[in-house]
Amino acid sequence: MAVARIKESWLFVVAQAENGSALVAMASVNIAVINKIAIGFFIFFLFIYSIRHVDIKHPR
């Protein structure tokens, strides 16, 4: 968690120095969307894997 916070604050400083706060807002939104997609994909993968695992263990 500490490393991620350091990276976020460093990106924030760099983006403000280069292009101002609009870029920071866009970047934070993009990071949030990417995180949600990644978490959703991970949960979906676990769901599919568990279904297949159960089917293999207990064939109907």
N, C-alpha and C. Protein backbone atom coordinates (compact mmCIF):
# COMPACT_ATOMS: atom_id res chain seq x y z
N MET A 1 0.83 -1.20 0.00
CA MET A 1 0.00 0.00 0.00
C MET A 1 0.87 1.26 0.00
N ALA A 2 1.94 1.26 0.79
CA ALA A 2 2.80 2.44 0.86
C ALA A 2 3.44 2.73 -0.49
N VAL A 3 3.89 1.67 -1.16
CA VAL A 3 4.54 1.87 -2.46
C VAL A 3 3.55 2.45 -3.47
N ALA A 4 2.32 1.94 -3.46
CA ALA A 4 1.31 2.44 -4.39
C ALA A 4 1.02 3.91 -4.12
N ARG A 5 0.92 4.29 -2.83
CA ARG A 5 0.65 5.69 -2.49
C ARG A 5 1.81 6.57 -2.96
N ILE A 6 3.04 6.11 -2.77
CA ILE A 6 4.19 6.89 -3.21
C ILE A 6 4.15 7.07 -4.73
N LYS A 7 3.84 5.99 -5.45
CA LYS A 7 3.76 6.08 -6.91
C LYS A 7 2.67 7.06 -7.33
N GLU A 8 1.49 6.99 -6.68
CA GLU A 8 0.39 7.87 -7.04
C GLU A 8 0.77 9.33 -6.80
N SER A 9 1.37 9.63 -5.65
CA SER A 9 1.73 11.01 -5.36
C SER A 9 2.81 11.50 -6.32
N TRP A 10 3.75 10.62 -6.69
CA TRP A 10 4.80 11.00 -7.64
C TRP A 10 4.19 11.30 -9.01
N LEU A 11 3.27 10.44 -9.47
CA LEU A 11 2.59 10.68 -10.74
C LEU A 11 1.80 11.99 -10.69
N PHE A 12 1.18 12.25 -9.55
CA PHE A 12 0.41 13.49 -9.38
C PHE A 12 1.32 14.70 -9.54
N VAL A 13 2.47 14.68 -8.90
CA VAL A 13 3.40 15.81 -8.97
C VAL A 13 3.90 16.00 -10.40
N VAL A 14 4.28 14.90 -11.04
CA VAL A 14 4.80 14.99 -12.41
C VAL A 14 3.73 15.55 -13.35
N ALA A 15 2.51 15.03 -13.23
CA ALA A 15 1.44 15.47 -14.13
C ALA A 15 1.11 16.94 -13.90
N GLN A 16 1.09 17.38 -12.66
CA GLN A 16 0.81 18.80 -12.39
C GLN A 16 1.91 19.67 -12.95
N ALA A 17 3.14 19.24 -12.80
CA ALA A 17 4.26 20.03 -13.31
C ALA A 17 4.18 20.14 -14.83
N GLU A 18 3.75 19.09 -15.51
CA GLU A 18 3.74 19.09 -16.97
C GLU A 18 2.50 19.77 -17.53
N ASN A 19 1.31 19.33 -17.14
CA ASN A 19 0.10 19.73 -17.86
C ASN A 19 -1.02 20.27 -16.97
N GLY A 20 -0.81 20.38 -15.67
CA GLY A 20 -1.86 20.93 -14.82
C GLY A 20 -2.80 19.86 -14.29
N SER A 21 -3.82 20.31 -13.57
CA SER A 21 -4.63 19.38 -12.78
C SER A 21 -5.64 18.61 -13.64
N ALA A 22 -5.92 19.05 -14.86
CA ALA A 22 -6.88 18.32 -15.70
C ALA A 22 -6.36 16.93 -16.01
N LEU A 23 -5.07 16.83 -16.32
CA LEU A 23 -4.47 15.53 -16.62
C LEU A 23 -4.52 14.62 -15.39
N VAL A 24 -4.31 15.20 -14.22
CA VAL A 24 -4.36 14.41 -12.99
C VAL A 24 -5.75 13.82 -12.80
N ALA A 25 -6.78 14.63 -13.04
CA ALA A 25 -8.15 14.14 -12.89
C ALA A 25 -8.41 12.99 -13.87
N MET A 26 -7.98 13.15 -15.12
CA MET A 26 -8.17 12.09 -16.11
C MET A 26 -7.42 10.83 -15.70
N ALA A 27 -6.19 10.99 -15.23
CA ALA A 27 -5.38 9.82 -14.86
C ALA A 27 -6.02 9.08 -13.69
N SER A 28 -6.51 9.82 -12.69
CA SER A 28 -7.11 9.16 -11.53
C SER A 28 -8.37 8.41 -11.95
N VAL A 29 -9.17 8.99 -12.84
CA VAL A 29 -10.37 8.30 -13.32
C VAL A 29 -9.97 7.03 -14.07
N ASN A 30 -8.96 7.14 -14.94
CA ASN A 30 -8.52 5.97 -15.71
C ASN A 30 -8.02 4.87 -14.78
N ILE A 31 -7.25 5.24 -13.75
CA ILE A 31 -6.73 4.25 -12.81
C ILE A 31 -7.89 3.55 -12.10
N ALA A 32 -8.90 4.32 -11.68
CA ALA A 32 -10.04 3.72 -10.98
C ALA A 32 -10.78 2.76 -11.90
N VAL A 33 -10.98 3.14 -13.16
CA VAL A 33 -11.69 2.27 -14.10
C VAL A 33 -10.90 0.99 -14.35
N ILE A 34 -9.58 1.14 -14.53
CA ILE A 34 -8.74 -0.03 -14.78
C ILE A 34 -8.78 -0.97 -13.58
N ASN A 35 -8.73 -0.40 -12.36
CA ASN A 35 -8.79 -1.24 -11.16
C ASN A 35 -10.11 -2.00 -11.10
N LYS A 36 -11.22 -1.33 -11.40
CA LYS A 36 -12.52 -2.00 -11.36
C LYS A 36 -12.58 -3.11 -12.40
N ILE A 37 -12.08 -2.86 -13.60
CA ILE A 37 -12.09 -3.88 -14.65
C ILE A 37 -11.25 -5.08 -14.22
N ALA A 38 -10.07 -4.80 -13.65
CA ALA A 38 -9.18 -5.89 -13.25
C ALA A 38 -9.82 -6.73 -12.15
N ILE A 39 -10.43 -6.07 -11.16
CA ILE A 39 -11.07 -6.81 -10.07
C ILE A 39 -12.24 -7.64 -10.61
N GLY A 40 -13.04 -7.03 -11.49
CA GLY A 40 -14.17 -7.75 -12.07
C GLY A 40 -13.71 -8.96 -12.87
N PHE A 41 -12.65 -8.80 -13.66
CA PHE A 41 -12.14 -9.91 -14.46
C PHE A 41 -11.62 -11.01 -13.55
N PHE A 42 -10.94 -10.63 -12.46
CA PHE A 42 -10.40 -11.62 -11.53
C PHE A 42 -11.53 -12.42 -10.88
N ILE A 43 -12.58 -11.73 -10.43
CA ILE A 43 -13.72 -12.41 -9.81
C ILE A 43 -14.40 -13.33 -10.83
N PHE A 44 -14.57 -12.83 -12.07
CA PHE A 44 -15.18 -13.63 -13.13
C PHE A 44 -14.36 -14.89 -13.40
N PHE A 45 -13.04 -14.74 -13.45
CA PHE A 45 -12.15 -15.88 -13.69
C PHE A 45 -12.27 -16.91 -12.56
N LEU A 46 -12.29 -16.43 -11.31
CA LEU A 46 -12.44 -17.34 -10.18
C LEU A 46 -13.79 -18.06 -10.25
N PHE A 47 -14.84 -17.33 -10.64
CA PHE A 47 -16.18 -17.92 -10.74
C PHE A 47 -16.19 -19.04 -11.79
N ILE A 48 -15.67 -18.76 -12.97
CA ILE A 48 -15.63 -19.78 -14.03
C ILE A 48 -14.78 -20.97 -13.59
N TYR A 49 -13.63 -20.68 -12.97
CA TYR A 49 -12.73 -21.75 -12.55
C TYR A 49 -13.41 -22.65 -11.52
N SER A 50 -14.12 -22.03 -10.56
CA SER A 50 -14.78 -22.83 -9.52
C SER A 50 -15.89 -23.69 -10.14
N ILE A 51 -16.64 -23.14 -11.10
CA ILE A 51 -17.70 -23.93 -11.75
C ILE A 51 -17.08 -25.13 -12.47
N ARG A 52 -16.02 -24.90 -13.23
CA ARG A 52 -15.38 -26.00 -13.95
C ARG A 52 -14.81 -27.02 -12.98
N HIS A 53 -14.23 -26.55 -11.89
CA HIS A 53 -13.64 -27.44 -10.89
C HIS A 53 -14.72 -28.35 -10.30
N VAL A 54 -15.87 -27.77 -9.96
CA VAL A 54 -16.97 -28.56 -9.39
C VAL A 54 -17.47 -29.56 -10.42
N ASP A 55 -17.61 -29.12 -11.68
CA ASP A 55 -18.09 -30.04 -12.73
C ASP A 55 -17.13 -31.21 -12.91
N ILE A 56 -15.83 -30.94 -12.85
CA ILE A 56 -14.85 -32.02 -13.02
C ILE A 56 -14.92 -32.98 -11.83
N LYS A 57 -15.07 -32.42 -10.63
CA LYS A 57 -15.10 -33.28 -9.43
C LYS A 57 -16.38 -34.11 -9.38
N HIS A 58 -17.52 -33.50 -9.71
CA HIS A 58 -18.81 -34.19 -9.61
C HIS A 58 -19.51 -34.17 -10.96
N PRO A 59 -19.16 -35.06 -11.86
CA PRO A 59 -19.84 -35.07 -13.17
C PRO A 59 -21.29 -35.53 -13.03
N ARG A 60 -22.16 -34.90 -13.80
CA ARG A 60 -23.58 -35.27 -13.74
C ARG A 60 -23.86 -36.37 -14.74
